[in-house]
């Protein structure tokens, strides 16, 4: 389903349509992250993580085992640290 369209300027810039900004919570100063996977390009507001991201961070390719809340938080923190090369606050 197509949500909206943008036109690329001669300088390579695009405008993010109002509907998309509202859906992603994009405001002035927001950073957008572009990813390529399986021949598809996706754009998301940096800082948002999907369930798949969290599952990969916590369990990798292995079957999940029972963990405490502290262990889950530590796994998420380590993944974020690795992805963004900066410490937790």
N, C-alpha and C. Protein backbone atom coordinates (compact mmCIF):
# COMPACT_ATOMS: atom_id res chain seq x y z
N UNK A 1 0.84 -1.18 0.00
CA UNK A 1 0.00 0.00 0.00
C UNK A 1 0.89 1.24 0.00
N UNK A 2 0.67 2.12 -0.95
CA UNK A 2 1.44 3.35 -1.04
C UNK A 2 0.89 4.37 -0.06
N UNK A 3 1.79 4.94 0.75
CA UNK A 3 1.39 5.93 1.74
C UNK A 3 1.46 7.33 1.17
N UNK A 4 2.55 7.65 0.45
CA UNK A 4 2.74 8.98 -0.10
C UNK A 4 3.89 8.94 -1.10
N UNK A 5 4.12 10.06 -1.79
CA UNK A 5 5.22 10.18 -2.74
C UNK A 5 6.02 11.42 -2.43
N UNK A 6 7.30 11.39 -2.81
CA UNK A 6 8.19 12.55 -2.71
C UNK A 6 8.94 12.68 -4.03
N UNK A 7 9.32 13.89 -4.36
CA UNK A 7 10.10 14.15 -5.55
C UNK A 7 11.50 14.57 -5.13
N UNK A 8 12.52 14.05 -5.79
CA UNK A 8 13.91 14.37 -5.48
C UNK A 8 14.32 15.63 -6.23
N UNK A 9 14.95 16.58 -5.52
CA UNK A 9 15.42 17.81 -6.15
C UNK A 9 16.75 17.56 -6.84
N UNK A 10 17.23 18.55 -7.59
CA UNK A 10 18.53 18.45 -8.27
C UNK A 10 19.67 18.26 -7.26
N UNK A 11 19.49 18.74 -6.03
CA UNK A 11 20.50 18.59 -4.98
C UNK A 11 20.38 17.27 -4.23
N UNK A 12 19.44 16.40 -4.63
CA UNK A 12 19.26 15.11 -3.99
C UNK A 12 18.42 15.17 -2.72
N UNK A 13 17.69 16.25 -2.52
CA UNK A 13 16.87 16.40 -1.32
C UNK A 13 15.44 15.95 -1.59
N UNK A 14 14.76 15.52 -0.53
CA UNK A 14 13.35 15.17 -0.62
C UNK A 14 12.60 15.84 0.52
N UNK A 15 11.31 15.99 0.33
CA UNK A 15 10.44 16.46 1.41
C UNK A 15 9.69 15.24 1.94
N UNK A 16 9.60 15.13 3.25
CA UNK A 16 8.86 14.03 3.85
C UNK A 16 7.40 14.47 3.96
N UNK A 17 6.49 13.75 3.31
CA UNK A 17 5.08 14.14 3.33
C UNK A 17 4.51 14.21 4.75
N UNK A 18 3.53 15.08 4.92
CA UNK A 18 2.92 15.33 6.22
C UNK A 18 2.41 14.04 6.87
N UNK A 19 1.77 13.18 6.08
CA UNK A 19 1.22 11.93 6.63
C UNK A 19 2.34 11.05 7.20
N UNK A 20 3.46 11.00 6.50
CA UNK A 20 4.60 10.18 6.94
C UNK A 20 5.22 10.78 8.20
N UNK A 21 5.39 12.11 8.22
CA UNK A 21 5.95 12.78 9.41
C UNK A 21 5.08 12.49 10.62
N UNK A 22 3.77 12.56 10.44
CA UNK A 22 2.85 12.30 11.55
C UNK A 22 2.95 10.85 12.01
N UNK A 23 2.98 9.93 11.06
CA UNK A 23 3.02 8.50 11.39
C UNK A 23 4.31 8.11 12.12
N UNK A 24 5.44 8.71 11.71
CA UNK A 24 6.73 8.37 12.31
C UNK A 24 7.12 9.29 13.46
N UNK A 25 6.34 10.32 13.71
CA UNK A 25 6.68 11.26 14.78
C UNK A 25 7.89 12.11 14.43
N UNK A 26 8.05 12.44 13.16
CA UNK A 26 9.19 13.24 12.70
C UNK A 26 8.91 14.71 12.94
N UNK A 27 9.86 15.36 13.60
CA UNK A 27 9.79 16.79 13.87
C UNK A 27 11.11 17.42 13.42
N UNK A 28 11.19 18.74 13.32
CA UNK A 28 12.46 19.35 12.94
C UNK A 28 13.59 18.87 13.85
N UNK A 29 14.68 18.45 13.24
CA UNK A 29 15.82 17.93 13.99
C UNK A 29 15.83 16.42 14.11
N UNK A 30 14.74 15.75 13.73
CA UNK A 30 14.72 14.28 13.76
C UNK A 30 15.74 13.73 12.79
N UNK A 31 16.33 12.59 13.14
CA UNK A 31 17.30 11.93 12.27
C UNK A 31 16.63 10.71 11.66
N UNK A 32 16.73 10.58 10.33
CA UNK A 32 16.18 9.43 9.64
C UNK A 32 17.29 8.45 9.32
N UNK A 33 16.99 7.18 9.43
CA UNK A 33 17.97 6.12 9.20
C UNK A 33 17.52 5.32 7.99
N UNK A 34 18.41 5.14 7.03
CA UNK A 34 18.14 4.39 5.81
C UNK A 34 18.83 3.03 5.91
N UNK A 35 18.09 1.96 5.63
CA UNK A 35 18.65 0.61 5.71
C UNK A 35 18.33 -0.15 4.43
N UNK A 36 19.23 -1.05 4.05
CA UNK A 36 18.99 -1.92 2.90
C UNK A 36 19.04 -3.37 3.38
N UNK A 37 18.01 -4.12 3.00
CA UNK A 37 17.96 -5.54 3.35
C UNK A 37 17.15 -6.27 2.30
N UNK A 38 17.71 -7.32 1.77
CA UNK A 38 17.05 -8.13 0.75
C UNK A 38 16.57 -7.30 -0.44
N UNK A 39 17.38 -6.33 -0.86
CA UNK A 39 17.04 -5.52 -2.02
C UNK A 39 15.99 -4.46 -1.78
N UNK A 40 15.60 -4.25 -0.52
CA UNK A 40 14.61 -3.22 -0.19
C UNK A 40 15.25 -2.15 0.68
N UNK A 41 14.89 -0.92 0.43
CA UNK A 41 15.36 0.21 1.23
C UNK A 41 14.24 0.60 2.18
N UNK A 42 14.58 0.73 3.45
CA UNK A 42 13.60 1.20 4.44
C UNK A 42 14.14 2.45 5.11
N UNK A 43 13.22 3.31 5.50
CA UNK A 43 13.57 4.54 6.21
C UNK A 43 12.78 4.53 7.51
N UNK A 44 13.46 4.87 8.60
CA UNK A 44 12.76 4.98 9.89
C UNK A 44 13.40 6.09 10.70
N UNK A 45 12.64 6.58 11.63
CA UNK A 45 13.19 7.58 12.53
C UNK A 45 14.16 6.89 13.45
N UNK A 46 15.38 7.42 13.52
CA UNK A 46 16.40 6.80 14.36
C UNK A 46 15.94 6.81 15.81
N UNK A 47 16.21 5.73 16.48
CA UNK A 47 15.82 5.63 17.88
C UNK A 47 14.63 4.72 18.10
N UNK A 48 13.94 4.37 17.02
CA UNK A 48 12.83 3.44 17.15
C UNK A 48 13.32 2.03 16.83
N UNK A 49 12.99 1.09 17.65
CA UNK A 49 13.41 -0.29 17.45
C UNK A 49 12.19 -1.17 17.30
N UNK A 50 12.26 -2.10 16.37
CA UNK A 50 11.16 -3.01 16.13
C UNK A 50 11.27 -4.21 17.07
N UNK A 51 10.23 -4.99 17.14
CA UNK A 51 10.25 -6.22 17.92
C UNK A 51 11.35 -7.15 17.40
N UNK A 52 11.51 -7.20 16.08
CA UNK A 52 12.56 -8.05 15.49
C UNK A 52 13.95 -7.60 15.94
N UNK A 53 14.16 -6.27 16.03
CA UNK A 53 15.44 -5.75 16.53
C UNK A 53 15.69 -6.21 17.96
N UNK A 54 14.68 -6.12 18.80
CA UNK A 54 14.82 -6.51 20.21
C UNK A 54 15.06 -8.02 20.33
N UNK A 55 14.33 -8.80 19.56
CA UNK A 55 14.51 -10.25 19.61
C UNK A 55 15.93 -10.63 19.19
N UNK A 56 16.42 -10.01 18.11
CA UNK A 56 17.78 -10.28 17.63
C UNK A 56 18.80 -9.87 18.68
N UNK A 57 18.57 -8.73 19.33
CA UNK A 57 19.50 -8.25 20.35
C UNK A 57 19.56 -9.20 21.54
N UNK A 58 18.43 -9.73 21.90
CA UNK A 58 18.37 -10.57 23.09
C UNK A 58 18.76 -12.02 22.83
N UNK A 59 18.37 -12.55 21.68
CA UNK A 59 18.51 -13.99 21.48
C UNK A 59 19.38 -14.38 20.28
N UNK A 60 19.70 -13.44 19.40
CA UNK A 60 20.44 -13.80 18.20
C UNK A 60 19.65 -14.82 17.41
N UNK A 61 20.29 -15.90 16.98
CA UNK A 61 19.60 -16.94 16.23
C UNK A 61 19.17 -18.12 17.08
N UNK A 62 19.41 -18.04 18.38
CA UNK A 62 19.11 -19.19 19.24
C UNK A 62 17.71 -19.09 19.85
N UNK A 63 17.24 -20.22 20.35
CA UNK A 63 15.92 -20.26 20.99
C UNK A 63 16.00 -19.50 22.32
N UNK A 64 15.01 -18.66 22.59
CA UNK A 64 15.03 -17.89 23.84
C UNK A 64 14.96 -18.77 25.07
N UNK A 65 15.66 -18.35 26.12
CA UNK A 65 15.55 -19.03 27.41
C UNK A 65 14.99 -18.03 28.41
N UNK A 66 14.48 -18.52 29.51
CA UNK A 66 13.93 -17.62 30.53
C UNK A 66 15.01 -16.72 31.09
N UNK A 67 14.68 -15.42 31.19
CA UNK A 67 15.63 -14.45 31.73
C UNK A 67 14.90 -13.50 32.66
N UNK A 68 15.66 -12.94 33.57
CA UNK A 68 15.08 -11.94 34.47
C UNK A 68 14.96 -10.62 33.72
N UNK A 69 14.18 -9.70 34.27
CA UNK A 69 14.04 -8.39 33.67
C UNK A 69 15.39 -7.68 33.59
N UNK A 70 16.22 -7.82 34.62
CA UNK A 70 17.55 -7.20 34.61
C UNK A 70 18.41 -7.75 33.47
N UNK A 71 18.33 -9.06 33.22
CA UNK A 71 19.10 -9.66 32.12
C UNK A 71 18.61 -9.15 30.77
N UNK A 72 17.29 -9.01 30.62
CA UNK A 72 16.72 -8.49 29.37
C UNK A 72 17.18 -7.05 29.13
N UNK A 73 17.11 -6.23 30.18
CA UNK A 73 17.54 -4.83 30.04
C UNK A 73 19.02 -4.74 29.69
N UNK A 74 19.83 -5.58 30.28
CA UNK A 74 21.27 -5.58 29.99
C UNK A 74 21.52 -5.96 28.53
N UNK A 75 20.81 -6.97 28.03
CA UNK A 75 20.95 -7.38 26.63
C UNK A 75 20.56 -6.27 25.67
N UNK A 76 19.48 -5.59 25.96
CA UNK A 76 19.05 -4.47 25.12
C UNK A 76 20.09 -3.35 25.16
N UNK A 77 20.58 -3.04 26.35
CA UNK A 77 21.59 -1.99 26.50
C UNK A 77 22.86 -2.30 25.72
N UNK A 78 23.31 -3.55 25.77
CA UNK A 78 24.52 -3.94 25.04
C UNK A 78 24.32 -3.80 23.54
N UNK A 79 23.14 -4.21 23.06
CA UNK A 79 22.85 -4.12 21.64
C UNK A 79 22.86 -2.66 21.18
N UNK A 80 22.22 -1.79 21.94
CA UNK A 80 22.17 -0.37 21.59
C UNK A 80 23.57 0.22 21.61
N UNK A 81 24.37 -0.13 22.62
CA UNK A 81 25.76 0.36 22.68
C UNK A 81 26.54 -0.04 21.43
N UNK A 82 26.40 -1.30 21.01
CA UNK A 82 27.12 -1.79 19.84
C UNK A 82 26.66 -1.10 18.57
N UNK A 83 25.37 -0.88 18.44
CA UNK A 83 24.83 -0.27 17.23
C UNK A 83 25.17 1.20 17.10
N UNK A 84 25.28 1.89 18.21
CA UNK A 84 25.44 3.34 18.15
C UNK A 84 26.77 3.83 18.71
N UNK A 85 27.63 2.93 19.12
CA UNK A 85 28.99 3.25 19.56
C UNK A 85 29.04 4.41 20.55
N UNK A 86 28.10 4.42 21.45
CA UNK A 86 28.14 5.39 22.55
C UNK A 86 27.53 4.75 23.78
N UNK A 87 27.94 5.19 24.92
CA UNK A 87 27.49 4.59 26.17
C UNK A 87 26.06 4.95 26.52
N UNK A 88 25.53 4.17 27.44
CA UNK A 88 24.19 4.46 27.96
C UNK A 88 24.26 5.63 28.91
N UNK A 89 23.15 6.32 29.04
CA UNK A 89 23.08 7.47 29.94
C UNK A 89 22.38 7.12 31.22
